[in-house]
C-alpha atoms as a PDB file:
ATOM      1  CA  MET A   1       0.000   0.000   0.000  1.00  0.00           C
ATOM      2  CA  GLU A   2       1.893   2.974  -1.325  1.00  0.00           C
ATOM      3  CA  GLN A   3      -0.440   5.456   0.406  1.00  0.00           C
ATOM      4  CA  LEU A   4       0.345   3.881   3.786  1.00  0.00           C
ATOM      5  CA  LYS A   5       4.097   4.020   3.116  1.00  0.00           C
ATOM      6  CA  GLN A   6       3.870   7.728   2.274  1.00  0.00           C
ATOM      7  CA  ARG A   7       1.870   8.438   5.433  1.00  0.00           C
ATOM      8  CA  ILE A   8       4.418   6.532   7.551  1.00  0.00           C
ATOM      9  CA  LEU A   9       7.224   8.609   6.026  1.00  0.00           C
ATOM     10  CA  GLN A  10       5.305  11.862   6.583  1.00  0.00           C
ATOM     11  CA  GLU A  11       3.827  11.225  10.019  1.00  0.00           C
ATOM     12  CA  GLY A  12       5.867   8.437  11.610  1.00  0.00           C
ATOM     13  CA  SER A  13       8.926   9.082  13.723  1.00  0.00           C
ATOM     14  CA  VAL A  14      11.796   6.790  14.588  1.00  0.00           C
ATOM     15  CA  VAL A  15      12.252   6.560  18.362  1.00  0.00           C
ATOM     16  CA  ASN A  16      15.305   4.306  18.121  1.00  0.00           C
ATOM     17  CA  ASP A  17      16.563   1.483  15.889  1.00  0.00           C
ATOM     18  CA  GLN A  18      13.807  -0.829  17.250  1.00  0.00           C
ATOM     19  CA  VAL A  19      10.782   1.470  17.655  1.00  0.00           C
ATOM     20  CA  LEU A  20       8.735   3.423  15.113  1.00  0.00           C
ATOM     21  CA  LYS A  21       6.133   5.815  16.490  1.00  0.00           C
ATOM     22  CA  VAL A  22       2.995   5.860  14.325  1.00  0.00           C
ATOM     23  CA  ASP A  23       0.578   7.360  16.821  1.00  0.00           C
ATOM     24  CA  ALA A  24      -0.667   9.881  14.236  1.00  0.00           C
ATOM     25  CA  LEU A  25      -1.889   6.941  12.101  1.00  0.00           C
ATOM     26  CA  LEU A  26      -2.657   3.909  14.284  1.00  0.00           C
ATOM     27  CA  ASN A  27      -2.083   4.259  17.996  1.00  0.00           C
ATOM     28  CA  HIS A  28      -3.489   7.576  19.198  1.00  0.00           C
ATOM     29  CA  GLN A  29      -5.200   9.151  16.226  1.00  0.00           C
ATOM     30  CA  VAL A  30      -6.645   7.361  13.219  1.00  0.00           C
ATOM     31  CA  ASP A  31      -7.557   8.520   9.738  1.00  0.00           C
ATOM     32  CA  PRO A  32     -10.927   6.823   9.078  1.00  0.00           C
ATOM     33  CA  GLN A  33     -10.464   6.796   5.285  1.00  0.00           C
ATOM     34  CA  LEU A  34      -7.018   5.198   5.549  1.00  0.00           C
ATOM     35  CA  ILE A  35      -8.269   2.690   8.150  1.00  0.00           C
ATOM     36  CA  MET A  36     -11.190   1.690   5.903  1.00  0.00           C
ATOM     37  CA  GLU A  37      -8.818   1.308   2.947  1.00  0.00           C
ATOM     38  CA  MET A  38      -6.626  -1.029   5.001  1.00  0.00           C
ATOM     39  CA  GLY A  39      -9.710  -3.000   6.049  1.00  0.00           C
ATOM     40  CA  ARG A  40     -10.776  -3.329   2.405  1.00  0.00           C
ATOM     41  CA  GLU A  41      -7.308  -4.593   1.497  1.00  0.00           C
ATOM     42  CA  PHE A  42      -7.320  -7.253   4.224  1.00  0.00           C
ATOM     43  CA  ALA A  43     -10.862  -8.277   3.233  1.00  0.00           C
ATOM     44  CA  ARG A  44      -9.738  -8.559  -0.407  1.00  0.00           C
ATOM     45  CA  ARG A  45      -6.801 -10.778   0.564  1.00  0.00           C
ATOM     46  CA  PHE A  46      -8.875 -13.078   2.806  1.00  0.00           C
ATOM     47  CA  ARG A  47     -12.326 -12.943   1.168  1.00  0.00           C
ATOM     48  CA  GLU A  48     -12.162 -16.564  -0.090  1.00  0.00           C
ATOM     49  CA  GLU A  49     -11.256 -17.931   3.359  1.00  0.00           C
ATOM     50  CA  ARG A  50     -14.843 -18.195   4.755  1.00  0.00           C
ATOM     51  CA  ILE A  51     -14.020 -16.016   7.762  1.00  0.00           C
ATOM     52  CA  THR A  52     -16.618 -16.067  10.574  1.00  0.00           C
ATOM     53  CA  LYS A  53     -14.831 -13.735  13.035  1.00  0.00           C
ATOM     54  CA  VAL A  54     -12.116 -11.105  12.948  1.00  0.00           C
ATOM     55  CA  LEU A  55      -9.961 -11.119  16.088  1.00  0.00           C
ATOM     56  CA  THR A  56      -7.472  -8.586  17.454  1.00  0.00           C
ATOM     57  CA  VAL A  57      -5.835  -7.467  20.701  1.00  0.00           C
ATOM     58  CA  GLU A  58      -6.918  -4.178  22.256  1.00  0.00           C
ATOM     59  CA  SER A  59      -6.394  -1.414  21.591  1.00  0.00           C
ATOM     60  CA  SER A  60      -4.452  -0.226  18.547  1.00  0.00           C
ATOM     61  CA  GLY A  61      -5.611  -3.063  16.298  1.00  0.00           C
ATOM     62  CA  ILE A  62      -9.310  -2.465  16.922  1.00  0.00           C
ATOM     63  CA  SER A  63      -9.925   0.187  14.248  1.00  0.00           C
ATOM     64  CA  ILE A  64      -8.252  -1.815  11.465  1.00  0.00           C
ATOM     65  CA  ALA A  65      -9.877  -5.073  12.601  1.00  0.00           C
ATOM     66  CA  PHE A  66     -13.253  -3.295  12.661  1.00  0.00           C
ATOM     67  CA  ALA A  67     -12.747  -2.102   9.083  1.00  0.00           C
ATOM     68  CA  ALA A  68     -11.821  -5.631   7.928  1.00  0.00           C
ATOM     69  CA  ALA A  69     -14.778  -7.170   9.810  1.00  0.00           C
ATOM     70  CA  PHE A  70     -17.117  -4.582   8.298  1.00  0.00           C
ATOM     71  CA  GLU A  71     -15.888  -5.369   4.787  1.00  0.00           C
ATOM     72  CA  LEU A  72     -16.207  -9.125   5.405  1.00  0.00           C
ATOM     73  CA  GLY A  73     -19.609  -8.760   7.074  1.00  0.00           C
ATOM     74  CA  VAL A  74     -18.594 -10.671  10.224  1.00  0.00           C
ATOM     75  CA  PRO A  75     -18.289  -9.825  13.944  1.00  0.00           C
ATOM     76  CA  LEU A  76     -15.143  -8.335  15.447  1.00  0.00           C
ATOM     77  CA  VAL A  77     -13.857  -9.815  18.707  1.00  0.00           C
ATOM     78  CA  PHE A  78     -10.993  -8.278  20.604  1.00  0.00           C
ATOM     79  CA  ALA A  79      -8.861  -9.691  23.372  1.00  0.00           C
ATOM     80  CA  ARG A  80      -8.911  -7.536  26.467  1.00  0.00           C
ATOM     81  CA  ARG A  81      -5.725  -6.688  28.317  1.00  0.00           C
ATOM     82  CA  ARG A  82      -7.326  -5.803  31.653  1.00  0.00           C
ATOM     83  CA  LYS A  83     -10.037  -7.362  33.756  1.00  0.00           C
ATOM     84  CA  SER A  84     -12.925  -5.143  34.756  1.00  0.00           C
ATOM     85  CA  VAL A  85     -16.069  -5.730  36.798  1.00  0.00           C
ATOM     86  CA  THR A  86     -17.859  -6.707  33.566  1.00  0.00           C
ATOM     87  CA  THR A  87     -15.161  -9.098  32.330  1.00  0.00           C
ATOM     88  CA  ASP A  88     -16.507 -12.591  31.716  1.00  0.00           C
ATOM     89  CA  ASN A  89     -14.807 -14.994  34.141  1.00  0.00           C
ATOM     90  CA  ASP A  90     -15.230 -17.840  31.645  1.00  0.00           C
ATOM     91  CA  ALA A  91     -12.518 -16.702  29.265  1.00  0.00           C
ATOM     92  CA  TYR A  92      -9.505 -17.992  27.395  1.00  0.00           C
ATOM     93  CA  CYS A  93      -6.428 -16.309  28.847  1.00  0.00           C
ATOM     94  CA  GLU A  94      -2.761 -16.096  27.909  1.00  0.00           C
ATOM     95  CA  ARG A  95       0.067 -14.183  29.580  1.00  0.00           C
ATOM     96  CA  VAL A  96       2.145 -12.243  27.029  1.00  0.00           C
ATOM     97  CA  PRO A  97       4.972  -9.711  27.122  1.00  0.00           C
ATOM     98  CA  SER A  98       4.506  -6.420  25.264  1.00  0.00           C
ATOM     99  CA  PHE A  99       7.545  -5.203  23.315  1.00  0.00           C
ATOM    100  CA  THR A 100       6.474  -1.541  23.144  1.00  0.00           C
ATOM    101  CA  LYS A 101       4.975  -1.324  26.649  1.00  0.00           C
ATOM    102  CA  GLY A 102       7.802  -3.262  28.311  1.00  0.00           C
ATOM    103  CA  ILE A 103       5.394  -5.201  30.536  1.00  0.00           C
ATOM    104  CA  VAL A 104       3.741  -8.610  30.754  1.00  0.00           C
ATOM    105  CA  THR A 105      -0.052  -8.668  30.557  1.00  0.00           C
ATOM    106  CA  ASP A 106      -2.854 -11.157  30.326  1.00  0.00           C
ATOM    107  CA  ILE A 107      -4.965 -11.174  27.174  1.00  0.00           C
ATOM    108  CA  MET A 108      -8.460 -12.579  27.510  1.00  0.00           C
ATOM    109  CA  VAL A 109     -11.241 -13.584  25.122  1.00  0.00           C
ATOM    110  CA  SER A 110     -14.641 -14.599  26.459  1.00  0.00           C
ATOM    111  CA  LYS A 111     -15.541 -18.188  25.603  1.00  0.00           C
ATOM    112  CA  ARG A 112     -18.943 -16.837  24.503  1.00  0.00           C
ATOM    113  CA  PHE A 113     -17.347 -15.132  21.490  1.00  0.00           C
ATOM    114  CA  LEU A 114     -14.901 -17.736  20.163  1.00  0.00           C
ATOM    115  CA  SER A 115     -15.708 -21.386  19.513  1.00  0.00           C
ATOM    116  CA  SER A 116     -14.678 -24.446  17.543  1.00  0.00           C
ATOM    117  CA  GLU A 117     -17.134 -23.419  14.820  1.00  0.00           C
ATOM    118  CA  ASP A 118     -15.220 -20.222  14.030  1.00  0.00           C
ATOM    119  CA  ARG A 119     -12.813 -19.566  11.188  1.00  0.00           C
ATOM    120  CA  VAL A 120     -10.743 -16.609  12.368  1.00  0.00           C
ATOM    121  CA  LEU A 121      -8.833 -13.797  10.707  1.00  0.00           C
ATOM    122  CA  PHE A 122      -6.401 -12.240  13.185  1.00  0.00           C
ATOM    123  CA  ILE A 123      -5.602  -8.566  12.501  1.00  0.00           C
ATOM    124  CA  ASP A 124      -2.720  -6.741  14.213  1.00  0.00           C
ATOM    125  CA  ASP A 125      -1.399  -3.225  13.826  1.00  0.00           C
ATOM    126  CA  ILE A 126       2.333  -3.909  14.261  1.00  0.00           C
ATOM    127  CA  ILE A 127       4.321  -7.100  14.650  1.00  0.00           C
ATOM    128  CA  ALA A 128       7.764  -6.912  16.216  1.00  0.00           C
ATOM    129  CA  ASN A 129       8.708  -9.941  18.322  1.00  0.00           C
ATOM    130  CA  GLY A 130       5.291 -11.568  17.911  1.00  0.00           C
ATOM    131  CA  ASP A 131       4.643 -12.373  21.573  1.00  0.00           C
ATOM    132  CA  ALA A 132       1.080 -11.005  21.647  1.00  0.00           C
ATOM    133  CA  ALA A 133       0.378 -12.684  18.308  1.00  0.00           C
ATOM    134  CA  ARG A 134       1.580 -16.058  19.582  1.00  0.00           C
ATOM    135  CA  GLY A 135      -0.585 -15.611  22.694  1.00  0.00           C
ATOM    136  CA  LEU A 136      -3.684 -14.877  20.623  1.00  0.00           C
ATOM    137  CA  ILE A 137      -2.898 -17.817  18.323  1.00  0.00           C
ATOM    138  CA  ARG A 138      -2.771 -20.079  21.418  1.00  0.00           C
ATOM    139  CA  ILE A 139      -6.197 -18.746  22.437  1.00  0.00           C
ATOM    140  CA  VAL A 140      -7.597 -19.567  18.980  1.00  0.00           C
ATOM    141  CA  GLU A 141      -6.125 -23.074  19.214  1.00  0.00           C
ATOM    142  CA  THR A 142      -7.457 -23.598  22.760  1.00  0.00           C
ATOM    143  CA  ALA A 143     -10.930 -22.564  21.593  1.00  0.00           C
ATOM    144  CA  GLY A 144     -10.697 -25.174  18.844  1.00  0.00           C
ATOM    145  CA  ALA A 145     -11.270 -22.463  16.240  1.00  0.00           C
ATOM    146  CA  GLU A 146      -9.462 -22.476  12.911  1.00  0.00           C
ATOM    147  CA  LEU A 147      -7.021 -19.663  12.158  1.00  0.00           C
ATOM    148  CA  ALA A 148      -7.378 -18.720   8.487  1.00  0.00           C
ATOM    149  CA  GLY A 149      -4.515 -16.256   8.669  1.00  0.00           C
ATOM    150  CA  MET A 150      -3.147 -13.044  10.048  1.00  0.00           C
ATOM    151  CA  GLY A 151      -3.226  -9.551   8.583  1.00  0.00           C
ATOM    152  CA  VAL A 152      -0.577  -7.110   9.805  1.00  0.00           C
ATOM    153  CA  VAL A 153      -0.473  -3.407   8.997  1.00  0.00           C
ATOM    154  CA  LEU A 154       3.231  -2.913   9.709  1.00  0.00           C
ATOM    155  CA  GLU A 155       5.821  -5.678  10.058  1.00  0.00           C
ATOM    156  CA  LYS A 156       9.310  -4.937  11.314  1.00  0.00           C
ATOM    157  CA  THR A 157      11.157  -7.663   9.417  1.00  0.00           C
ATOM    158  CA  PHE A 158      14.391  -7.020  11.332  1.00  0.00           C
ATOM    159  CA  GLN A 159      12.614  -8.530  14.347  1.00  0.00           C
ATOM    160  CA  ALA A 160      11.567 -12.184  14.454  1.00  0.00           C
ATOM    161  CA  GLY A 161       7.788 -11.936  15.009  1.00  0.00           C
ATOM    162  CA  GLY A 162       6.450 -12.299  11.483  1.00  0.00           C
ATOM    163  CA  ARG A 163       9.010 -14.941  10.559  1.00  0.00           C
ATOM    164  CA  THR A 164       8.242 -17.112  13.606  1.00  0.00           C
ATOM    165  CA  ILE A 165       4.490 -16.936  12.928  1.00  0.00           C
ATOM    166  CA  ARG A 166       5.060 -17.976   9.303  1.00  0.00           C
ATOM    167  CA  GLU A 167       7.296 -20.826  10.508  1.00  0.00           C
ATOM    168  CA  GLN A 168       4.227 -22.174  12.341  1.00  0.00           C
ATOM    169  CA  GLY A 169       2.595 -22.564   8.927  1.00  0.00           C
ATOM    170  CA  ILE A 170       0.320 -19.553   9.404  1.00  0.00           C
ATOM    171  CA  ARG A 171      -0.482 -17.323   6.461  1.00  0.00           C
ATOM    172  CA  VAL A 172       0.634 -13.752   7.264  1.00  0.00           C
ATOM    173  CA  GLU A 173      -0.349 -10.894   4.953  1.00  0.00           C
ATOM    174  CA  THR A 174       1.469  -7.623   5.624  1.00  0.00           C
ATOM    175  CA  LEU A 175       0.595  -4.219   4.168  1.00  0.00           C
ATOM    176  CA  VAL A 176       3.987  -2.602   4.825  1.00  0.00           C
ATOM    177  CA  LYS A 177       7.296  -4.211   5.761  1.00  0.00           C
ATOM    178  CA  ILE A 178      10.108  -2.214   7.343  1.00  0.00           C
ATOM    179  CA  SER A 179      13.566  -3.733   7.128  1.00  0.00           C
ATOM    180  CA  SER A 180      15.439  -1.130   9.180  1.00  0.00           C
ATOM    181  CA  LEU A 181      15.091   1.886  11.439  1.00  0.00           C
ATOM    182  CA  ALA A 182      18.848   2.345  11.848  1.00  0.00           C
ATOM    183  CA  GLY A 183      20.222   5.854  11.699  1.00  0.00           C
ATOM    184  CA  ASN A 184      16.775   7.374  12.306  1.00  0.00           C
ATOM    185  CA  ARG A 185      15.772   6.283   8.787  1.00  0.00           C
ATOM    186  CA  ILE A 186      12.735   4.200   7.762  1.00  0.00           C
ATOM    187  CA  VAL A 187      13.730   1.598   5.163  1.00  0.00           C
ATOM    188  CA  PHE A 188      10.888  -0.309   3.499  1.00  0.00           C
ATOM    189  CA  GLU A 189      11.284  -3.869   2.280  1.00  0.00           C
ATOM    190  CA  GLU A 190       9.930  -4.463  -1.204  1.00  0.00           C
END
């Protein structure tokens, strides 16, 4: 997606050689037209997969996952990172580290919203080390659901996340791949 690459160059900022800040696009503010375009692209790539649910982890992936679910005409389910008084106690749960937050959290999906009858498309905003992705994949497997694939907005290919997910035999479709952030410079992989 050339438009997404241009927006990353214009509005993204390199924090260090491991971290790209895209809060003007994905994490703090979103452009609804760009989000819907990304959702259409993921829907186009996975339309033939008989998806019954789109799944993501709160919170930055929700807008893109919503757009994909809307285009596919299926429900969106998102894994929560925090328990609240309304959290369903009967939930699938996995403990995962967060690369960008530097903490370990639990991600939870209510058993009411994910079952062995589901064929799931997992959407994520950014994949770095892939810890949250692997945790959500374990939840899908525990539920007995079938993972049709994973759509990622931005993959940092200099980190192992995307590669390790693919090595599990999972189809990963990425909109933009970044091969380096060294020297405060964003280098896209073709």
